[in-house]
C-alpha cells in the first residue's frame, strides 16, 4: 500500500472510531431515560432501650405498620449499632434499618413518630438521598 492509501485508511478508521464513541455515549444516556429521580429514605431504629428478645416481634410489627397503615414498599434488615454514652462508654444494640423509595418526606416522619411512640424508641436516624430509580417487573 502506498502512503496515500494508508492515510485514507487511517482517516476512515478514525471516523468509524468517533462514530462508535458517540453512539456509545448516546446509548448509555438513553439507558437511564427510564430512571425516575426520587428521594431514598433510610431509617435506623435503635433498639437500645428494648430487650433484644423483642426485636423479631417489633420488626414484624413495624413491617405491618409500614405496609398497612402507610402503604409503603420497603426493604429492611437488621444491623448492629452502638453509641458513645457519657463521653466514653460504647453500647451495642440491635438496629432495624428500613429503606424507602418513592415516599413523601412527611410520611416518613409520621411513620418514625408512630414507631417511636408505640415502642418507646428514643434513637432514630433518617438518611435522605437523591437517587435515580426504576422498578422492573
Protein backbone atom coordinates (compact mmCIF):
# COMPACT_ATOMS: atom_id res chain seq x y z
CA UNK A 1 0.00 0.00 0.00
CA UNK A 2 1.17 3.47 -0.74
CA UNK A 3 1.22 6.39 1.70
CA UNK A 4 -1.95 7.94 0.26
CA UNK A 5 -3.94 4.70 0.74
CA UNK A 6 -2.66 4.35 4.32
CA UNK A 7 -3.64 7.96 5.08
CA UNK A 8 -7.16 7.44 3.68
CA UNK A 9 -7.49 4.17 5.64
CA UNK A 10 -6.31 5.87 8.86
CA UNK A 11 -8.81 8.72 8.39
CA UNK A 12 -11.64 6.26 7.66
CA UNK A 13 -10.81 4.22 10.80
CA UNK A 14 -10.68 7.43 12.86
CA UNK A 15 -14.13 8.44 11.61
CA UNK A 16 -15.53 4.98 12.43
CA UNK A 17 -14.00 5.18 15.93
CA UNK A 18 -15.51 8.63 16.51
CA UNK A 19 -18.95 7.45 15.35
CA UNK A 20 -18.73 4.37 17.59
CA UNK A 21 -17.74 6.52 20.60
CA UNK A 22 -20.58 8.97 20.06
CA UNK A 23 -23.04 6.09 19.63
CA UNK A 24 -21.87 4.50 22.88
CA UNK A 25 -22.38 7.78 24.76
CA UNK A 26 -25.88 8.24 23.30
CA UNK A 27 -26.82 4.64 24.12
CA UNK A 28 -25.55 4.94 27.70
CA UNK A 29 -27.53 8.18 28.16
CA UNK A 30 -30.66 6.57 26.71
CA UNK A 31 -30.33 3.64 29.11
CA UNK A 32 -31.05 5.99 32.01
CA UNK A 33 -34.06 7.66 30.41
CA UNK A 34 -36.49 5.28 32.14
CA UNK A 35 -35.00 6.08 35.53
CA UNK A 36 -37.05 8.37 37.72
CA UNK A 37 -35.38 10.84 40.07
CA UNK A 38 -36.68 10.35 43.57
CA UNK A 39 -35.69 10.51 47.21
CA UNK A 40 -34.44 7.47 49.07
CA UNK A 41 -35.02 7.45 52.82
CA UNK A 42 -33.21 5.07 55.12
CA UNK A 43 -34.38 4.92 58.72
CA UNK A 44 -32.34 3.39 61.52
CA UNK A 45 -34.42 2.44 64.58
CA UNK A 46 -32.05 1.87 67.51
CA UNK A 47 -33.45 -0.69 69.92
CA UNK A 48 -31.04 0.07 72.76
CA UNK A 49 -33.99 0.70 75.11
CA UNK A 50 -35.71 -2.57 74.17
CA UNK A 51 -34.95 -6.16 75.10
CA UNK A 52 -33.17 -7.96 72.22
CA UNK A 53 -35.71 -10.78 72.67
CA UNK A 54 -38.43 -8.45 71.33
CA UNK A 55 -36.50 -7.41 68.18
CA UNK A 56 -38.20 -10.01 65.93
CA UNK A 57 -41.67 -9.07 67.17
CA UNK A 58 -41.06 -5.34 66.81
CA UNK A 59 -39.54 -5.78 63.34
CA UNK A 60 -42.66 -7.65 62.15
CA UNK A 61 -44.97 -5.06 63.70
CA UNK A 62 -43.09 -2.20 62.03
CA UNK A 63 -43.31 -4.05 58.69
CA UNK A 64 -47.09 -4.33 59.16
CA UNK A 65 -47.36 -0.66 60.12
CA UNK A 66 -45.35 0.39 57.07
CA UNK A 67 -47.46 -1.58 54.60
CA UNK A 68 -50.91 -1.50 56.18
CA UNK A 69 -51.04 1.99 57.65
CA UNK A 70 -48.72 3.91 55.35
CA UNK A 71 -49.00 1.82 52.18
CA UNK A 72 -45.26 1.91 51.55
CA UNK A 73 -42.99 -0.64 49.98
CA UNK A 74 -39.71 -1.17 51.79
CA UNK A 75 -36.54 -3.13 52.18
CA UNK A 76 -35.38 -3.85 55.70
CA UNK A 77 -32.57 -5.58 57.51
CA UNK A 78 -31.09 -5.80 60.95
CA UNK A 79 -27.80 -4.14 61.82
CA UNK A 80 -25.60 -3.84 64.86
CA UNK A 81 -25.18 -0.38 66.25
CA UNK A 82 -23.50 1.38 69.08
CA UNK A 83 -23.21 4.76 70.71
CA UNK A 84 -20.84 6.65 72.91
CA UNK A 85 -22.63 7.24 76.18
CA UNK A 86 -21.45 9.69 78.83
CA UNK A 87 -18.43 10.51 76.71
CA UNK A 88 -16.78 7.10 76.76
CA UNK A 89 -18.95 4.00 77.14
CA UNK A 90 -19.82 2.22 73.90
CA UNK A 91 -23.02 0.17 73.96
CA UNK A 92 -24.07 -2.34 71.33
CA UNK A 93 -27.67 -2.54 70.24
CA UNK A 94 -29.87 -4.00 67.56
CA UNK A 95 -30.80 -1.52 64.85
CA UNK A 96 -33.72 -2.09 62.48
CA UNK A 97 -32.99 -0.49 59.12
CA UNK A 98 -35.81 0.31 56.70
CA UNK A 99 -35.23 1.70 53.20
CA UNK A 100 -37.95 3.55 51.26
CA UNK A 101 -38.04 4.94 47.72
CA UNK A 102 -40.94 6.93 46.25
CA UNK A 103 -42.17 8.03 49.66
CA UNK A 104 -43.06 11.53 50.79
CA UNK A 105 -40.86 13.08 53.47
CA UNK A 106 -43.88 13.93 55.60
CA UNK A 107 -44.98 10.28 55.53
CA UNK A 108 -41.54 9.09 56.65
CA UNK A 109 -41.56 11.49 59.61
CA UNK A 110 -45.12 10.43 60.57
CA UNK A 111 -44.05 6.78 60.45
CA UNK A 112 -40.96 7.47 62.58
CA UNK A 113 -43.08 9.37 65.15
CA UNK A 114 -45.58 6.47 65.31
CA UNK A 115 -42.83 3.88 65.79
CA UNK A 116 -41.07 5.96 68.45
CA UNK A 117 -44.30 6.49 70.37
CA UNK A 118 -45.51 2.90 70.13
CA UNK A 119 -42.23 1.24 71.13
CA UNK A 120 -40.56 3.93 73.22
CA UNK A 121 -37.64 4.11 70.80
CA UNK A 122 -35.55 7.15 71.64
CA UNK A 123 -32.99 7.00 68.82
CA UNK A 124 -33.87 7.11 65.12
CA UNK A 125 -31.59 8.26 62.33
CA UNK A 126 -33.09 9.27 58.98
CA UNK A 127 -30.92 9.49 55.86
CA UNK A 128 -32.20 11.20 52.72
CA UNK A 129 -30.50 10.82 49.33
CA UNK A 130 -31.48 11.87 45.81
CA UNK A 131 -31.46 8.76 43.60
CA UNK A 132 -32.47 7.61 40.16
CA UNK A 133 -34.61 4.51 40.42
CA UNK A 134 -36.62 2.22 38.17
CA UNK A 135 -38.88 -0.60 39.27
CA UNK A 136 -38.63 -3.52 36.87
CA UNK A 137 -41.30 -6.15 36.89
